N, C-alpha and C. Protein backbone atom coordinates (compact mmCIF):
# COMPACT_ATOMS: atom_id res chain seq x y z
N MET A 1 33.49 0.76 -1.51
CA MET A 1 32.23 0.30 -2.08
C MET A 1 31.12 0.51 -1.05
N GLN A 2 30.06 1.15 -1.48
CA GLN A 2 28.93 1.38 -0.59
C GLN A 2 28.21 0.07 -0.28
N ILE A 3 27.68 0.02 0.94
CA ILE A 3 26.98 -1.16 1.43
C ILE A 3 25.59 -0.73 1.88
N ARG A 4 24.62 -1.57 1.60
CA ARG A 4 23.23 -1.26 1.97
C ARG A 4 22.80 -2.12 3.15
N LEU A 5 22.19 -1.46 4.13
CA LEU A 5 21.55 -2.15 5.25
C LEU A 5 20.06 -2.16 4.97
N LEU A 6 19.47 -3.33 5.04
CA LEU A 6 18.01 -3.47 4.90
C LEU A 6 17.46 -3.95 6.24
N LEU A 7 16.49 -3.24 6.75
CA LEU A 7 15.77 -3.64 7.96
C LEU A 7 14.37 -4.03 7.54
N LEU A 8 13.92 -5.20 7.95
CA LEU A 8 12.59 -5.67 7.63
C LEU A 8 11.88 -5.95 8.94
N TYR A 9 10.62 -5.55 9.04
CA TYR A 9 9.87 -5.77 10.27
C TYR A 9 8.40 -5.49 10.07
N ASP A 10 7.62 -5.82 11.12
CA ASP A 10 6.18 -5.59 11.13
C ASP A 10 5.85 -4.63 12.27
N ILE A 11 5.01 -3.67 12.01
CA ILE A 11 4.57 -2.73 13.05
C ILE A 11 3.60 -3.46 13.99
N LEU A 12 3.79 -3.27 15.27
CA LEU A 12 2.90 -3.87 16.25
C LEU A 12 1.49 -3.31 16.10
N PRO A 13 0.46 -4.13 16.27
CA PRO A 13 -0.92 -3.65 16.14
C PRO A 13 -1.18 -2.46 17.05
N GLY A 14 -1.80 -1.43 16.51
CA GLY A 14 -2.16 -0.25 17.28
C GLY A 14 -1.01 0.72 17.51
N ARG A 15 0.19 0.45 16.99
CA ARG A 15 1.35 1.32 17.20
C ARG A 15 1.75 2.08 15.96
N ASP A 16 0.91 2.07 14.92
CA ASP A 16 1.26 2.70 13.63
C ASP A 16 1.70 4.16 13.79
N GLN A 17 0.85 4.96 14.41
CA GLN A 17 1.14 6.40 14.55
C GLN A 17 2.41 6.63 15.36
N ASP A 18 2.54 5.90 16.48
CA ASP A 18 3.74 6.02 17.32
C ASP A 18 4.98 5.61 16.54
N TYR A 19 4.88 4.53 15.75
CA TYR A 19 6.02 4.08 14.96
C TYR A 19 6.45 5.15 13.97
N PHE A 20 5.50 5.71 13.22
CA PHE A 20 5.86 6.68 12.19
C PHE A 20 6.48 7.93 12.81
N GLU A 21 6.02 8.33 13.99
CA GLU A 21 6.67 9.45 14.68
C GLU A 21 8.08 9.09 15.11
N PHE A 22 8.27 7.87 15.60
CA PHE A 22 9.60 7.39 15.98
C PHE A 22 10.52 7.36 14.76
N LEU A 23 10.02 6.88 13.65
CA LEU A 23 10.79 6.80 12.40
C LEU A 23 11.35 8.16 12.03
N VAL A 24 10.50 9.17 12.03
CA VAL A 24 10.89 10.51 11.60
C VAL A 24 11.77 11.22 12.64
N ARG A 25 11.42 11.06 13.91
CA ARG A 25 12.11 11.83 14.96
C ARG A 25 13.37 11.16 15.49
N GLU A 26 13.41 9.82 15.47
CA GLU A 26 14.54 9.14 16.12
C GLU A 26 15.27 8.16 15.20
N LEU A 27 14.56 7.28 14.52
CA LEU A 27 15.21 6.22 13.78
C LEU A 27 16.04 6.77 12.61
N ALA A 28 15.43 7.54 11.73
CA ALA A 28 16.18 8.06 10.57
C ALA A 28 17.34 8.94 11.00
N PRO A 29 17.16 9.92 11.92
CA PRO A 29 18.30 10.71 12.37
C PRO A 29 19.36 9.88 13.09
N GLY A 30 18.92 8.87 13.85
CA GLY A 30 19.87 8.01 14.56
C GLY A 30 20.72 7.20 13.62
N LEU A 31 20.10 6.67 12.56
CA LEU A 31 20.88 5.94 11.56
C LEU A 31 21.89 6.86 10.89
N ALA A 32 21.47 8.09 10.58
CA ALA A 32 22.37 9.04 9.92
C ALA A 32 23.57 9.35 10.83
N ARG A 33 23.32 9.51 12.13
CA ARG A 33 24.43 9.76 13.07
C ARG A 33 25.42 8.59 13.11
N LEU A 34 24.93 7.39 12.87
CA LEU A 34 25.79 6.21 12.87
C LEU A 34 26.53 6.03 11.53
N GLY A 35 26.25 6.88 10.55
CA GLY A 35 26.91 6.75 9.26
C GLY A 35 26.13 5.94 8.26
N ILE A 36 24.85 5.71 8.53
CA ILE A 36 23.95 4.98 7.62
C ILE A 36 22.89 5.96 7.15
N GLN A 37 22.95 6.32 5.88
CA GLN A 37 22.02 7.30 5.34
C GLN A 37 20.74 6.59 4.88
N PRO A 38 19.61 6.80 5.58
CA PRO A 38 18.35 6.19 5.13
C PRO A 38 18.02 6.69 3.72
N ASN A 39 17.64 5.77 2.85
CA ASN A 39 17.34 6.18 1.48
C ASN A 39 16.08 5.56 0.91
N GLU A 40 15.44 4.67 1.63
CA GLU A 40 14.19 4.10 1.13
C GLU A 40 13.39 3.51 2.27
N ASN A 41 12.08 3.51 2.08
CA ASN A 41 11.17 2.96 3.08
C ASN A 41 9.96 2.41 2.31
N TRP A 42 9.80 1.11 2.32
CA TRP A 42 8.73 0.46 1.59
C TRP A 42 7.71 -0.12 2.57
N TYR A 43 6.44 0.05 2.24
CA TYR A 43 5.36 -0.45 3.06
C TYR A 43 4.61 -1.52 2.27
N THR A 44 4.51 -2.72 2.83
CA THR A 44 3.78 -3.82 2.17
C THR A 44 2.33 -3.77 2.61
N GLN A 45 1.44 -3.52 1.70
CA GLN A 45 0.02 -3.40 2.00
C GLN A 45 -0.66 -4.77 2.08
N PHE A 46 -0.27 -5.69 1.20
CA PHE A 46 -0.90 -7.00 1.13
C PHE A 46 0.15 -8.10 1.08
N GLY A 47 -0.21 -9.27 1.59
CA GLY A 47 0.70 -10.41 1.52
C GLY A 47 1.32 -10.72 2.86
N SER A 48 2.18 -11.72 2.86
CA SER A 48 2.77 -12.22 4.10
C SER A 48 4.21 -11.77 4.31
N ASP A 49 4.77 -10.98 3.40
CA ASP A 49 6.12 -10.47 3.57
C ASP A 49 6.14 -9.45 4.70
N PRO A 50 7.34 -9.12 5.21
CA PRO A 50 7.40 -8.10 6.26
C PRO A 50 6.71 -6.80 5.82
N GLN A 51 6.06 -6.17 6.74
CA GLN A 51 5.27 -4.97 6.47
C GLN A 51 6.14 -3.79 6.02
N ILE A 52 7.34 -3.66 6.62
CA ILE A 52 8.22 -2.53 6.33
C ILE A 52 9.58 -3.04 5.86
N LEU A 53 10.11 -2.41 4.82
CA LEU A 53 11.50 -2.59 4.40
C LEU A 53 12.10 -1.19 4.42
N LEU A 54 13.06 -1.01 5.32
CA LEU A 54 13.75 0.27 5.45
C LEU A 54 15.18 0.07 4.99
N GLY A 55 15.63 0.91 4.08
CA GLY A 55 16.99 0.78 3.56
C GLY A 55 17.84 1.98 3.91
N GLY A 56 19.13 1.71 4.12
CA GLY A 56 20.08 2.76 4.39
C GLY A 56 21.42 2.40 3.76
N ILE A 57 22.23 3.41 3.45
CA ILE A 57 23.50 3.19 2.78
C ILE A 57 24.65 3.66 3.67
N ALA A 58 25.67 2.83 3.79
CA ALA A 58 26.91 3.20 4.46
C ALA A 58 27.99 3.31 3.39
N GLU A 59 28.98 4.14 3.63
CA GLU A 59 30.03 4.37 2.64
C GLU A 59 30.87 3.13 2.38
N ASP A 60 31.03 2.27 3.39
CA ASP A 60 31.83 1.04 3.21
C ASP A 60 31.45 0.04 4.30
N ALA A 61 31.98 -1.15 4.15
CA ALA A 61 31.65 -2.24 5.09
C ALA A 61 32.15 -1.92 6.50
N ALA A 62 33.30 -1.28 6.62
CA ALA A 62 33.85 -0.96 7.93
C ALA A 62 32.93 0.01 8.69
N THR A 63 32.40 1.01 7.99
CA THR A 63 31.48 1.96 8.60
C THR A 63 30.22 1.27 9.09
N LEU A 64 29.68 0.38 8.25
CA LEU A 64 28.47 -0.34 8.65
C LEU A 64 28.74 -1.27 9.82
N GLN A 65 29.87 -1.97 9.77
CA GLN A 65 30.23 -2.88 10.86
C GLN A 65 30.36 -2.11 12.16
N LYS A 66 31.04 -0.97 12.13
CA LYS A 66 31.22 -0.15 13.34
C LYS A 66 29.87 0.31 13.87
N ALA A 67 28.97 0.72 12.97
CA ALA A 67 27.65 1.18 13.39
C ALA A 67 26.84 0.06 14.04
N LEU A 68 26.84 -1.11 13.42
CA LEU A 68 26.01 -2.22 13.89
C LEU A 68 26.55 -2.90 15.14
N THR A 69 27.78 -2.58 15.53
CA THR A 69 28.32 -3.17 16.76
C THR A 69 28.42 -2.11 17.88
N SER A 70 27.82 -0.96 17.63
CA SER A 70 27.90 0.13 18.62
C SER A 70 26.78 0.05 19.64
N LYS A 71 27.04 0.68 20.78
CA LYS A 71 25.99 0.76 21.83
C LYS A 71 24.84 1.63 21.34
N ASP A 72 25.15 2.64 20.53
CA ASP A 72 24.10 3.51 19.99
C ASP A 72 23.13 2.71 19.13
N TRP A 73 23.65 1.78 18.31
CA TRP A 73 22.76 0.94 17.49
C TRP A 73 21.92 0.03 18.38
N ASP A 74 22.54 -0.55 19.40
CA ASP A 74 21.78 -1.41 20.30
C ASP A 74 20.63 -0.64 20.95
N ALA A 75 20.90 0.59 21.36
CA ALA A 75 19.84 1.42 21.97
C ALA A 75 18.76 1.78 20.96
N LEU A 76 19.17 2.14 19.76
CA LEU A 76 18.20 2.51 18.71
C LEU A 76 17.34 1.30 18.33
N LYS A 77 17.96 0.16 18.18
CA LYS A 77 17.22 -1.06 17.83
C LYS A 77 16.28 -1.45 18.98
N GLY A 78 16.73 -1.25 20.21
CA GLY A 78 15.87 -1.53 21.36
C GLY A 78 14.64 -0.65 21.35
N ARG A 79 14.82 0.63 21.04
CA ARG A 79 13.68 1.55 20.94
C ARG A 79 12.78 1.15 19.78
N LEU A 80 13.36 0.74 18.66
CA LEU A 80 12.56 0.29 17.53
C LEU A 80 11.68 -0.88 17.93
N SER A 81 12.19 -1.78 18.76
CA SER A 81 11.40 -2.95 19.15
C SER A 81 10.22 -2.61 20.03
N ASP A 82 10.15 -1.35 20.51
CA ASP A 82 8.95 -0.90 21.23
C ASP A 82 7.76 -0.75 20.27
N TYR A 83 8.04 -0.62 18.99
CA TYR A 83 7.00 -0.33 18.01
C TYR A 83 6.81 -1.43 16.98
N VAL A 84 7.78 -2.32 16.84
CA VAL A 84 7.72 -3.34 15.79
C VAL A 84 8.10 -4.71 16.32
N THR A 85 7.88 -5.71 15.50
CA THR A 85 8.24 -7.10 15.82
C THR A 85 8.88 -7.72 14.59
N ASN A 86 9.48 -8.89 14.78
CA ASN A 86 10.09 -9.65 13.69
C ASN A 86 11.18 -8.86 12.94
N ILE A 87 12.03 -8.17 13.70
CA ILE A 87 13.10 -7.38 13.07
C ILE A 87 14.13 -8.31 12.43
N GLN A 88 14.43 -8.06 11.17
CA GLN A 88 15.46 -8.78 10.44
C GLN A 88 16.44 -7.77 9.84
N GLU A 89 17.71 -8.08 9.84
CA GLU A 89 18.72 -7.24 9.22
C GLU A 89 19.33 -7.98 8.05
N ARG A 90 19.52 -7.27 6.96
CA ARG A 90 20.21 -7.83 5.79
C ARG A 90 21.27 -6.82 5.37
N ILE A 91 22.42 -7.30 5.00
CA ILE A 91 23.48 -6.43 4.50
C ILE A 91 23.77 -6.89 3.08
N VAL A 92 23.69 -5.96 2.13
CA VAL A 92 23.89 -6.30 0.73
C VAL A 92 24.79 -5.24 0.07
N ARG A 93 25.48 -5.64 -0.98
CA ARG A 93 26.26 -4.70 -1.75
C ARG A 93 25.33 -3.78 -2.53
N MET A 94 25.77 -2.57 -2.72
CA MET A 94 24.96 -1.62 -3.51
C MET A 94 24.84 -2.12 -4.94
N SER A 95 23.68 -1.92 -5.48
CA SER A 95 23.40 -2.33 -6.85
C SER A 95 22.36 -1.36 -7.40
N PRO A 96 22.39 -1.13 -8.72
CA PRO A 96 21.37 -0.26 -9.29
C PRO A 96 20.01 -0.95 -9.38
N PHE A 97 19.96 -2.23 -9.01
CA PHE A 97 18.74 -2.99 -9.09
C PHE A 97 18.04 -3.03 -7.74
N PHE A 98 16.74 -3.24 -7.76
CA PHE A 98 15.97 -3.33 -6.52
C PHE A 98 16.42 -4.56 -5.74
N PRO A 99 16.63 -4.41 -4.43
CA PRO A 99 17.09 -5.57 -3.64
C PRO A 99 15.97 -6.56 -3.38
N LEU A 100 16.15 -7.76 -3.85
CA LEU A 100 15.18 -8.82 -3.58
C LEU A 100 15.66 -9.55 -2.34
N VAL A 101 14.81 -9.61 -1.34
CA VAL A 101 15.22 -10.19 -0.05
C VAL A 101 14.27 -11.32 0.29
N LYS A 102 14.78 -12.48 0.33
CA LYS A 102 13.97 -13.66 0.69
C LYS A 102 14.80 -14.56 1.56
């Protein structure tokens, strides 16, 4: 059963351009190398919810668990924190419905 990883966070003020370059050049490819295929990226324009919701899919729970406990994930998440704040991780079962995260 496929499992979805949801990352929620806010871009640090003044780091928008740097963040988007990091997303394309490092974060998305890094997730793919870990076995998590990025499949969605939502930007919240208004409101108090996290500014970014990034989703990725792993083939199964074991793959996701291995990825999230790896040194490569720690390094990637550390680099992400150079550009964002309030990082939250959510793990949910795949569903054809939009993931509501609260």
